């Protein structure tokens, strides 16, 4: 975990890889719960036996499940002591580059692309987060996440 005292301290890292998260194991239970929450019951995600005979050889996580792990990735990678709140402001670009088999582990590598002041003494940051799949050279996902943080 990379810890900064202030938002300004973090802003000084524009253009740099700042941190990496802890590893996160993707479970079938998570995949099933995500399917229930979103209504995406595609067999490659939720039908374990059929998925074993499918194109990936096992059930895989939804791409959007992988993307939805961004808050958890941020939580285990970066802390700003003098920041009371962060808000998801959106995404600029997202690519799902490798399937994520159930049981695999993911972590995020975070590069701060921009940091701009906004109202209420906050900052708007754009983070390039590369979600790595343990043991695979090609990332599972690369996303530009826009986050607003406030003191």
C-alpha atoms as a PDB file:
ATOM      1  CA  UNK A   1       0.000   0.000   0.000  1.00  0.00           C
ATOM      2  CA  UNK A   2       1.296   3.418  -0.987  1.00  0.00           C
ATOM      3  CA  UNK A   3       0.362   6.110   1.543  1.00  0.00           C
ATOM      4  CA  UNK A   4       0.263   9.838   0.824  1.00  0.00           C
ATOM      5  CA  UNK A   5      -0.359  12.558   3.392  1.00  0.00           C
ATOM      6  CA  UNK A   6      -2.267  14.911   1.045  1.00  0.00           C
ATOM      7  CA  UNK A   7      -3.899  14.944  -2.360  1.00  0.00           C
ATOM      8  CA  UNK A   8      -1.151  17.312  -3.487  1.00  0.00           C
ATOM      9  CA  UNK A   9       1.474  14.745  -2.505  1.00  0.00           C
ATOM     10  CA  UNK A  10      -0.263  12.192  -4.707  1.00  0.00           C
ATOM     11  CA  UNK A  11      -0.601  14.700  -7.571  1.00  0.00           C
ATOM     12  CA  UNK A  12       3.198  14.968  -7.654  1.00  0.00           C
ATOM     13  CA  UNK A  13       3.241  11.394  -9.038  1.00  0.00           C
ATOM     14  CA  UNK A  14       1.578  12.190 -12.387  1.00  0.00           C
ATOM     15  CA  UNK A  15       3.140  10.074 -15.102  1.00  0.00           C
ATOM     16  CA  UNK A  16       4.387   7.407 -12.695  1.00  0.00           C
ATOM     17  CA  UNK A  17       3.295   3.948 -11.669  1.00  0.00           C
ATOM     18  CA  UNK A  18       2.217   4.671  -8.125  1.00  0.00           C
ATOM     19  CA  UNK A  19       1.187   1.384  -6.549  1.00  0.00           C
ATOM     20  CA  UNK A  20      -0.033  -2.145  -6.956  1.00  0.00           C
ATOM     21  CA  UNK A  21      -2.874  -3.791  -5.107  1.00  0.00           C
ATOM     22  CA  UNK A  22      -3.059  -6.994  -3.145  1.00  0.00           C
ATOM     23  CA  UNK A  23      -3.993 -10.160  -5.020  1.00  0.00           C
ATOM     24  CA  UNK A  24      -7.731 -10.902  -5.277  1.00  0.00           C
ATOM     25  CA  UNK A  25      -9.006 -14.439  -5.883  1.00  0.00           C
ATOM     26  CA  UNK A  26     -12.061 -14.665  -8.145  1.00  0.00           C
ATOM     27  CA  UNK A  27     -14.521 -17.275  -6.838  1.00  0.00           C
ATOM     28  CA  UNK A  28     -17.481 -19.014  -8.431  1.00  0.00           C
ATOM     29  CA  UNK A  29     -19.642 -17.564  -5.659  1.00  0.00           C
ATOM     30  CA  UNK A  30     -18.638 -14.021  -6.724  1.00  0.00           C
ATOM     31  CA  UNK A  31     -19.389 -14.858 -10.359  1.00  0.00           C
ATOM     32  CA  UNK A  32     -22.809 -16.277  -9.437  1.00  0.00           C
ATOM     33  CA  UNK A  33     -23.651 -13.261  -7.271  1.00  0.00           C
ATOM     34  CA  UNK A  34     -22.598 -10.910 -10.064  1.00  0.00           C
ATOM     35  CA  UNK A  35     -24.816 -12.835 -12.482  1.00  0.00           C
ATOM     36  CA  UNK A  36     -27.749 -12.434 -10.087  1.00  0.00           C
ATOM     37  CA  UNK A  37     -27.098  -8.719  -9.606  1.00  0.00           C
ATOM     38  CA  UNK A  38     -26.771  -7.968 -13.325  1.00  0.00           C
ATOM     39  CA  UNK A  39     -28.996 -10.579 -14.942  1.00  0.00           C
ATOM     40  CA  UNK A  40     -26.069 -11.853 -17.022  1.00  0.00           C
ATOM     41  CA  UNK A  41     -26.428 -15.626 -16.686  1.00  0.00           C
ATOM     42  CA  UNK A  42     -24.297 -16.544 -19.720  1.00  0.00           C
ATOM     43  CA  UNK A  43     -23.309 -20.210 -19.376  1.00  0.00           C
ATOM     44  CA  UNK A  44     -19.573 -19.473 -19.695  1.00  0.00           C
ATOM     45  CA  UNK A  45     -19.890 -17.800 -16.290  1.00  0.00           C
ATOM     46  CA  UNK A  46     -22.422 -19.811 -14.301  1.00  0.00           C
ATOM     47  CA  UNK A  47     -22.710 -23.331 -15.745  1.00  0.00           C
ATOM     48  CA  UNK A  48     -19.537 -24.932 -14.402  1.00  0.00           C
ATOM     49  CA  UNK A  49     -19.867 -28.281 -16.206  1.00  0.00           C
ATOM     50  CA  UNK A  50     -20.766 -26.770 -19.572  1.00  0.00           C
ATOM     51  CA  UNK A  51     -18.020 -24.152 -19.210  1.00  0.00           C
ATOM     52  CA  UNK A  52     -15.411 -26.894 -18.680  1.00  0.00           C
ATOM     53  CA  UNK A  53     -16.223 -28.134 -22.196  1.00  0.00           C
ATOM     54  CA  UNK A  54     -16.410 -24.597 -23.594  1.00  0.00           C
ATOM     55  CA  UNK A  55     -13.838 -22.392 -25.297  1.00  0.00           C
ATOM     56  CA  UNK A  56     -12.031 -21.392 -22.076  1.00  0.00           C
ATOM     57  CA  UNK A  57     -11.941 -24.824 -20.392  1.00  0.00           C
ATOM     58  CA  UNK A  58     -13.496 -23.460 -17.208  1.00  0.00           C
ATOM     59  CA  UNK A  59     -16.038 -20.881 -16.107  1.00  0.00           C
ATOM     60  CA  UNK A  60     -14.759 -17.323 -16.452  1.00  0.00           C
ATOM     61  CA  UNK A  61     -15.587 -14.094 -14.641  1.00  0.00           C
ATOM     62  CA  UNK A  62     -17.711 -11.502 -16.399  1.00  0.00           C
ATOM     63  CA  UNK A  63     -15.598  -8.698 -17.847  1.00  0.00           C
ATOM     64  CA  UNK A  64     -17.685  -6.226 -15.892  1.00  0.00           C
ATOM     65  CA  UNK A  65     -17.055  -8.218 -12.702  1.00  0.00           C
ATOM     66  CA  UNK A  66     -13.341  -7.781 -13.296  1.00  0.00           C
ATOM     67  CA  UNK A  67     -13.899  -4.064 -13.862  1.00  0.00           C
ATOM     68  CA  UNK A  68     -16.074  -3.792 -10.741  1.00  0.00           C
ATOM     69  CA  UNK A  69     -13.063  -4.806  -8.654  1.00  0.00           C
ATOM     70  CA  UNK A  70     -11.499  -1.358  -9.227  1.00  0.00           C
ATOM     71  CA  UNK A  71     -12.704   0.029  -5.854  1.00  0.00           C
ATOM     72  CA  UNK A  72     -11.178  -2.967  -4.050  1.00  0.00           C
ATOM     73  CA  UNK A  73      -7.969  -2.548  -6.027  1.00  0.00           C
ATOM     74  CA  UNK A  74      -7.784   1.137  -5.070  1.00  0.00           C
ATOM     75  CA  UNK A  75      -8.563   0.324  -1.430  1.00  0.00           C
ATOM     76  CA  UNK A  76      -5.593  -2.026  -1.100  1.00  0.00           C
ATOM     77  CA  UNK A  77      -3.186   0.018  -3.211  1.00  0.00           C
ATOM     78  CA  UNK A  78      -3.442   3.709  -2.280  1.00  0.00           C
ATOM     79  CA  UNK A  79      -4.280   5.690   0.844  1.00  0.00           C
ATOM     80  CA  UNK A  80      -4.436   9.470   1.268  1.00  0.00           C
ATOM     81  CA  UNK A  81      -4.420  10.342   4.976  1.00  0.00           C
ATOM     82  CA  UNK A  82      -5.975  13.787   4.510  1.00  0.00           C
ATOM     83  CA  UNK A  83      -8.755  12.703   2.150  1.00  0.00           C
ATOM     84  CA  UNK A  84     -12.231  12.025   3.481  1.00  0.00           C
ATOM     85  CA  UNK A  85     -13.872  10.738   0.321  1.00  0.00           C
ATOM     86  CA  UNK A  86     -13.332   9.455  -3.188  1.00  0.00           C
ATOM     87  CA  UNK A  87     -15.989   9.199  -5.891  1.00  0.00           C
ATOM     88  CA  UNK A  88     -16.059   7.232  -9.119  1.00  0.00           C
ATOM     89  CA  UNK A  89     -16.542   9.817 -11.897  1.00  0.00           C
ATOM     90  CA  UNK A  90     -16.418   7.408 -14.835  1.00  0.00           C
ATOM     91  CA  UNK A  91     -14.198   5.643 -17.295  1.00  0.00           C
ATOM     92  CA  UNK A  92     -12.385   6.872 -20.375  1.00  0.00           C
ATOM     93  CA  UNK A  93     -11.267   3.597 -21.914  1.00  0.00           C
ATOM     94  CA  UNK A  94     -11.644  -0.047 -20.971  1.00  0.00           C
ATOM     95  CA  UNK A  95     -10.342  -3.175 -22.667  1.00  0.00           C
ATOM     96  CA  UNK A  96     -10.832  -6.786 -21.568  1.00  0.00           C
ATOM     97  CA  UNK A  97      -7.757  -8.519 -22.927  1.00  0.00           C
ATOM     98  CA  UNK A  98      -7.708 -11.971 -21.309  1.00  0.00           C
ATOM     99  CA  UNK A  99     -10.417 -14.202 -19.853  1.00  0.00           C
ATOM    100  CA  UNK A 100     -10.353 -14.585 -16.064  1.00  0.00           C
ATOM    101  CA  UNK A 101     -10.930 -18.233 -15.088  1.00  0.00           C
ATOM    102  CA  UNK A 102     -12.724 -18.785 -11.802  1.00  0.00           C
ATOM    103  CA  UNK A 103     -10.149 -19.474  -9.098  1.00  0.00           C
ATOM    104  CA  UNK A 104      -7.504 -17.227 -10.619  1.00  0.00           C
ATOM    105  CA  UNK A 105      -5.902 -14.263  -8.892  1.00  0.00           C
ATOM    106  CA  UNK A 106      -5.892 -10.644 -10.039  1.00  0.00           C
ATOM    107  CA  UNK A 107      -4.093  -7.503  -8.928  1.00  0.00           C
ATOM    108  CA  UNK A 108      -3.995  -3.948 -10.182  1.00  0.00           C
ATOM    109  CA  UNK A 109      -0.978  -1.874 -11.153  1.00  0.00           C
ATOM    110  CA  UNK A 110      -1.875   1.799 -10.977  1.00  0.00           C
ATOM    111  CA  UNK A 111      -0.358   4.638 -12.972  1.00  0.00           C
ATOM    112  CA  UNK A 112      -1.520   8.216 -12.315  1.00  0.00           C
ATOM    113  CA  UNK A 113      -2.083   9.844 -15.716  1.00  0.00           C
ATOM    114  CA  UNK A 114      -3.498  13.231 -14.655  1.00  0.00           C
ATOM    115  CA  UNK A 115      -4.464  15.189 -11.553  1.00  0.00           C
ATOM    116  CA  UNK A 116      -6.439  18.430 -11.880  1.00  0.00           C
ATOM    117  CA  UNK A 117      -7.958  20.670  -9.183  1.00  0.00           C
ATOM    118  CA  UNK A 118     -11.775  20.784  -8.966  1.00  0.00           C
ATOM    119  CA  UNK A 119     -14.342  22.552  -6.775  1.00  0.00           C
ATOM    120  CA  UNK A 120     -14.375  22.120  -2.991  1.00  0.00           C
ATOM    121  CA  UNK A 121     -10.566  21.701  -2.830  1.00  0.00           C
ATOM    122  CA  UNK A 122     -10.800  18.344  -4.569  1.00  0.00           C
ATOM    123  CA  UNK A 123      -8.834  16.786  -7.377  1.00  0.00           C
ATOM    124  CA  UNK A 124      -9.916  14.826 -10.412  1.00  0.00           C
ATOM    125  CA  UNK A 125      -7.474  12.087 -11.268  1.00  0.00           C
ATOM    126  CA  UNK A 126      -7.252   9.720 -14.199  1.00  0.00           C
ATOM    127  CA  UNK A 127      -5.695   6.376 -13.323  1.00  0.00           C
ATOM    128  CA  UNK A 128      -4.560   3.764 -15.776  1.00  0.00           C
ATOM    129  CA  UNK A 129      -5.124   0.501 -13.968  1.00  0.00           C
ATOM    130  CA  UNK A 130      -3.716  -2.652 -15.482  1.00  0.00           C
ATOM    131  CA  UNK A 131      -5.441  -5.658 -13.957  1.00  0.00           C
ATOM    132  CA  UNK A 132      -2.940  -8.487 -14.072  1.00  0.00           C
ATOM    133  CA  UNK A 133      -3.857 -12.144 -14.133  1.00  0.00           C
ATOM    134  CA  UNK A 134      -1.367 -14.175 -12.112  1.00  0.00           C
ATOM    135  CA  UNK A 135       0.821 -16.308 -14.365  1.00  0.00           C
ATOM    136  CA  UNK A 136      -0.426 -14.738 -17.611  1.00  0.00           C
ATOM    137  CA  UNK A 137       1.634 -12.201 -19.548  1.00  0.00           C
ATOM    138  CA  UNK A 138      -1.357 -10.441 -21.124  1.00  0.00           C
ATOM    139  CA  UNK A 139      -3.452  -8.387 -18.666  1.00  0.00           C
ATOM    140  CA  UNK A 140      -7.055  -9.299 -17.933  1.00  0.00           C
ATOM    141  CA  UNK A 141      -8.144  -5.674 -18.264  1.00  0.00           C
ATOM    142  CA  UNK A 142      -6.733  -2.208 -18.756  1.00  0.00           C
ATOM    143  CA  UNK A 143      -8.968   0.667 -17.676  1.00  0.00           C
ATOM    144  CA  UNK A 144      -8.680   4.428 -17.412  1.00  0.00           C
ATOM    145  CA  UNK A 145     -10.651   5.287 -14.317  1.00  0.00           C
ATOM    146  CA  UNK A 146     -11.651   8.860 -13.486  1.00  0.00           C
ATOM    147  CA  UNK A 147     -11.800   9.464  -9.748  1.00  0.00           C
ATOM    148  CA  UNK A 148     -12.604  12.576  -7.736  1.00  0.00           C
ATOM    149  CA  UNK A 149     -11.102  12.883  -4.240  1.00  0.00           C
ATOM    150  CA  UNK A 150     -11.818  15.449  -1.573  1.00  0.00           C
ATOM    151  CA  UNK A 151      -9.958  16.500   1.586  1.00  0.00           C
END
